[in-house]
Structure formats: C-alpha cells, structure tokens
Amino acid sequence: MRKIRGFKLKLRVKEIQRRAKKAKLDLGALGFTGEAPLQAWLDRLASASAPAVLFDSFPAEETSGLSPMPGLACSLAVATLGPDLDAFAEKLAQDKPAEAPLFELAAQSALDEAVRFVLALVEEEAAAERCVLSPIQYLDSREQQEQILAKLEGHKIGVALGENGLRPIRSTSFSASWLAKSKSRAKA
C-alpha cells in the first residue's frame, strides 16, 4: 500500500468557471468578476485542504465485489481533501452562505484532481506490466467502502466510515481493473 500526503492541488480558474457556468452559478453576483479574485479564493480553499491518497494493486481474486470488470489485477484507492476542509466549509456557510455552491463546485473539482493524480500513478504501474486500466468505478455502497477501508487501512490518512458515508466528507474511494493490452499483429 502506498500513502501520499500533502501533494499540491492545482485548482484551475477556467475549470471552475466552466463548472459554474454549467451549474448556472453567477460568479459575478458573488463578486468574482475577474480571474484574479477567483484565483485568490481558490488558493485559500487549496491551502485549507490537506489532500492525501492511499492506493494499492491486488490480484483479481482478492478484490471480488470491488473491481469494475474482470481483469488480471485491480487497483483500489481512497482520496481525501482532509478534515480541515470540512471546518472551512462550515465557517464559509456561516460567514458567506452565498458562496456555498461555489465551494461545493471547487471542492468537487479538487477531489477530481486528487483522483486524477492517483490514477496517473496507477496507470504508470499498469503500463509497466503491459496492461491498461478499465474506466474507474466509484465505490459508493457502505459494504464496498467498509471493504476498501479495511484493505487499505483508511485510518492512515484519517478516512473512516460515518453514518452518511466516508469521513471527512470530501473523500472518495474507487477501483480500476488491469486489462491485458491486446497484441497488434504485424502487417505483411
């Protein structure tokens, strides 16, 4: 099992603007008329987070019920933005409740960035074994979350299972199967 803590999350202004537009969230009404104020706000959010990931790969037989599809092996991962971000969200909800929807968009973007970070590491590992990864499967059921937290020892990065899912709130778990690359035939 590998554990990585404190890696840098790059929250991109353009990505947040795109997500806000898609969610019909008016950034101008919130006071974010240009990129600079939004970037400063995103930097505060990034500094309040403590991203961490746990991941490992297992033979397919050891991950029944967790792997998205049959394959040679399966990688399991847990990613979190840390408990401090929950406190940041609570304070923001009290001080500036209008910014709560923007916070949710930005936090989801940050969590997606953490998932991409660990997925890139797993893809390198799989490529070295001449495999490709299946699309990822988020593990949302309580039973799956219990299994993955036990297998990866989620407590090592402060992730546990609460009444309503993973704690801290901005945490996720997922899996990806390793599939053998098809061999290309030489054309004669």
Protein backbone atom coordinates (compact mmCIF):
# COMPACT_ATOMS: atom_id res chain seq x y z
CA MET A 1 0.00 0.00 0.00
CA ARG A 2 1.21 3.45 -0.84
CA LYS A 3 0.27 6.60 1.00
CA ILE A 4 0.87 10.10 -0.30
CA ARG A 5 0.03 13.16 1.79
CA GLY A 6 0.22 16.87 1.17
CA PHE A 7 0.61 16.89 -2.59
CA LYS A 8 -0.27 20.15 -4.28
CA LEU A 9 -3.68 20.53 -5.84
CA LYS A 10 -3.85 22.89 -8.77
CA LEU A 11 -7.33 24.37 -8.89
CA ARG A 12 -7.76 25.92 -12.31
CA VAL A 13 -9.83 29.09 -12.64
CA LYS A 14 -11.06 28.16 -16.13
CA GLU A 15 -12.27 24.76 -14.90
CA ILE A 16 -14.17 26.35 -12.00
CA GLN A 17 -15.66 28.95 -14.35
CA ARG A 18 -16.75 26.15 -16.71
CA ARG A 19 -18.36 24.17 -13.88
CA ALA A 20 -20.05 27.30 -12.53
CA LYS A 21 -21.49 28.11 -15.95
CA LYS A 22 -22.75 24.54 -16.33
CA ALA A 23 -24.39 24.74 -12.88
CA LYS A 24 -25.85 28.17 -13.78
CA LEU A 25 -23.96 29.80 -10.92
CA ASP A 26 -23.38 33.53 -11.47
CA LEU A 27 -19.81 34.22 -10.34
CA GLY A 28 -20.23 37.96 -11.00
CA ALA A 29 -23.05 38.14 -8.47
CA LEU A 30 -20.73 36.55 -5.89
CA GLY A 31 -18.11 39.24 -6.52
CA PHE A 32 -15.78 37.18 -8.72
CA THR A 33 -15.78 39.41 -11.77
CA GLY A 34 -12.29 38.53 -12.96
CA GLU A 35 -9.86 35.66 -12.73
CA ALA A 36 -7.65 37.23 -10.02
CA PRO A 37 -10.28 37.36 -7.22
CA LEU A 38 -11.44 33.83 -8.06
CA GLN A 39 -7.86 32.53 -8.08
CA ALA A 40 -7.22 34.13 -4.67
CA TRP A 41 -10.39 32.44 -3.31
CA LEU A 42 -9.32 29.08 -4.81
CA ASP A 43 -5.86 29.46 -3.28
CA ARG A 44 -7.48 29.89 0.16
CA LEU A 45 -9.50 26.74 -0.42
CA ALA A 46 -6.42 24.81 -1.58
CA SER A 47 -4.44 25.92 1.48
CA ALA A 48 -7.29 24.76 3.76
CA SER A 49 -7.21 21.28 2.24
CA ALA A 50 -4.84 18.50 3.20
CA PRO A 51 -5.04 16.11 0.24
CA ALA A 52 -3.99 12.52 0.81
CA VAL A 53 -4.37 9.24 -1.06
CA LEU A 54 -3.97 5.57 -0.29
CA PHE A 55 -3.73 3.07 -3.10
CA ASP A 56 -2.56 -0.42 -3.91
CA SER A 57 -3.00 -3.12 -6.52
CA PHE A 58 -4.16 -6.63 -5.78
CA PRO A 59 -4.65 -9.87 -7.72
CA ALA A 60 -8.15 -10.02 -9.16
CA GLU A 61 -9.18 -12.83 -6.79
CA GLU A 62 -8.60 -10.62 -3.73
CA THR A 63 -10.90 -7.83 -4.88
CA SER A 64 -14.17 -9.57 -5.67
CA GLY A 65 -17.05 -7.14 -5.43
CA LEU A 66 -14.74 -4.16 -5.73
CA SER A 67 -13.33 -4.44 -9.27
CA PRO A 68 -15.28 -2.83 -12.10
CA MET A 69 -14.65 -5.72 -14.51
CA PRO A 70 -12.71 -8.99 -14.66
CA GLY A 71 -9.03 -8.39 -15.25
CA LEU A 72 -5.55 -9.50 -14.27
CA ALA A 73 -5.47 -7.29 -11.17
CA CYS A 74 -7.35 -4.45 -9.56
CA SER A 75 -6.16 -1.18 -8.07
CA LEU A 76 -8.04 0.26 -5.11
CA ALA A 77 -7.72 3.85 -3.95
CA VAL A 78 -9.04 6.24 -1.32
CA ALA A 79 -8.61 10.00 -1.75
CA THR A 80 -9.47 12.77 0.69
CA LEU A 81 -9.14 16.52 0.95
CA GLY A 82 -8.78 16.27 4.73
CA PRO A 83 -10.83 17.26 7.78
CA ASP A 84 -9.73 20.91 7.74
CA LEU A 85 -11.74 21.48 4.58
CA ASP A 86 -14.91 20.45 6.41
CA ALA A 87 -14.20 23.15 9.01
CA PHE A 88 -13.51 25.63 6.18
CA ALA A 89 -16.91 24.74 4.64
CA GLU A 90 -18.72 25.26 7.95
CA LYS A 91 -17.08 28.65 8.51
CA LEU A 92 -17.86 29.69 4.94
CA ALA A 93 -21.51 28.63 5.37
CA GLN A 94 -21.76 30.88 8.44
CA ASP A 95 -19.82 33.88 7.10
CA LYS A 96 -20.76 33.85 3.40
CA PRO A 97 -23.60 31.39 2.71
CA ALA A 98 -23.95 32.65 -0.88
CA GLU A 99 -20.52 31.16 -1.68
CA ALA A 100 -21.53 27.65 -0.54
CA PRO A 101 -22.49 26.45 -4.05
CA LEU A 102 -19.17 27.72 -5.41
CA PHE A 103 -17.36 25.92 -2.59
CA GLU A 104 -19.10 22.65 -3.49
CA LEU A 105 -18.07 23.04 -7.14
CA ALA A 106 -14.48 23.84 -6.22
CA ALA A 107 -14.24 21.04 -3.64
CA GLN A 108 -15.54 18.51 -6.17
CA SER A 109 -13.01 19.80 -8.70
CA ALA A 110 -10.23 19.40 -6.11
CA LEU A 111 -11.36 15.86 -5.31
CA ASP A 112 -11.44 15.05 -9.03
CA GLU A 113 -7.89 16.40 -9.27
CA ALA A 114 -6.77 14.10 -6.41
CA VAL A 115 -8.37 11.14 -8.21
CA ARG A 116 -6.55 12.05 -11.45
CA PHE A 117 -3.29 12.32 -9.50
CA VAL A 118 -3.51 8.78 -8.10
CA LEU A 119 -4.89 7.38 -11.35
CA ALA A 120 -1.85 8.66 -13.24
CA LEU A 121 0.42 6.81 -10.80
CA VAL A 122 -1.57 3.59 -11.17
CA GLU A 123 -1.59 3.91 -14.98
CA GLU A 124 2.22 4.10 -14.99
CA GLU A 125 2.34 0.95 -12.88
CA ALA A 126 -0.09 -0.88 -15.15
CA ALA A 127 1.76 0.22 -18.30
CA ALA A 128 4.99 -1.23 -16.91
CA GLU A 129 3.17 -4.59 -16.72
CA ARG A 130 1.80 -4.16 -20.26
CA CYS A 131 -1.72 -3.51 -19.04
CA VAL A 132 -4.26 -0.75 -19.45
CA LEU A 133 -6.78 0.39 -16.87
CA SER A 134 -10.51 -0.01 -17.15
CA PRO A 135 -12.68 3.02 -16.52
CA ILE A 136 -12.78 3.68 -12.80
CA GLN A 137 -15.67 2.63 -10.62
CA TYR A 138 -16.52 4.77 -7.62
CA LEU A 139 -17.29 2.62 -4.59
CA ASP A 140 -20.38 4.16 -3.06
CA SER A 141 -22.11 1.35 -1.21
CA ARG A 142 -21.46 1.03 2.50
CA GLU A 143 -20.28 -2.58 2.10
CA GLN A 144 -17.75 -1.62 -0.60
CA GLN A 145 -16.50 1.31 1.47
CA GLU A 146 -16.03 -0.93 4.52
CA GLN A 147 -14.05 -3.40 2.39
CA ILE A 148 -11.78 -0.83 0.81
CA LEU A 149 -11.10 0.99 4.10
CA ALA A 150 -10.19 -2.30 5.76
CA LYS A 151 -7.99 -3.42 2.85
CA LEU A 152 -6.14 -0.09 2.52
CA GLU A 153 -6.24 0.90 6.21
CA GLY A 154 -8.07 4.18 5.64
CA HIS A 155 -7.24 5.39 9.15
CA LYS A 156 -3.67 6.05 7.94
CA ILE A 157 -4.93 9.16 6.13
CA GLY A 158 -7.78 9.87 8.55
CA VAL A 159 -10.61 8.42 6.46
CA ALA A 160 -13.30 6.43 8.25
CA LEU A 161 -16.85 5.35 7.61
CA GLY A 162 -19.51 7.51 9.25
CA GLU A 163 -23.29 7.26 9.29
CA ASN A 164 -23.64 9.01 5.92
CA GLY A 165 -20.56 7.64 4.15
CA LEU A 166 -16.90 8.44 4.23
CA ARG A 167 -15.49 10.94 6.72
CA PRO A 168 -14.07 13.57 6.07
CA ILE A 169 -16.98 14.47 3.81
CA ARG A 170 -14.80 15.34 0.83
CA SER A 171 -13.39 11.83 0.39
CA THR A 172 -13.94 9.17 -2.21
CA SER A 173 -12.99 5.59 -2.95
CA PHE A 174 -12.67 3.90 -6.32
CA SER A 175 -11.25 0.93 -8.18
CA ALA A 176 -9.89 0.19 -11.64
CA SER A 177 -9.19 -3.19 -13.22
CA TRP A 178 -5.95 -4.02 -15.02
CA LEU A 179 -6.63 -5.37 -18.50
CA ALA A 180 -4.07 -7.05 -20.72
CA LYS A 181 -3.15 -4.97 -23.78
CA SER A 182 -4.15 -6.63 -27.00
CA LYS A 183 -1.17 -7.53 -29.12
CA SER A 184 -1.14 -5.87 -32.50
CA ARG A 185 -0.34 -8.04 -35.46
CA ALA A 186 2.37 -7.04 -37.88
CA LYS A 187 1.03 -6.43 -41.36
CA ALA A 188 2.72 -8.45 -44.06
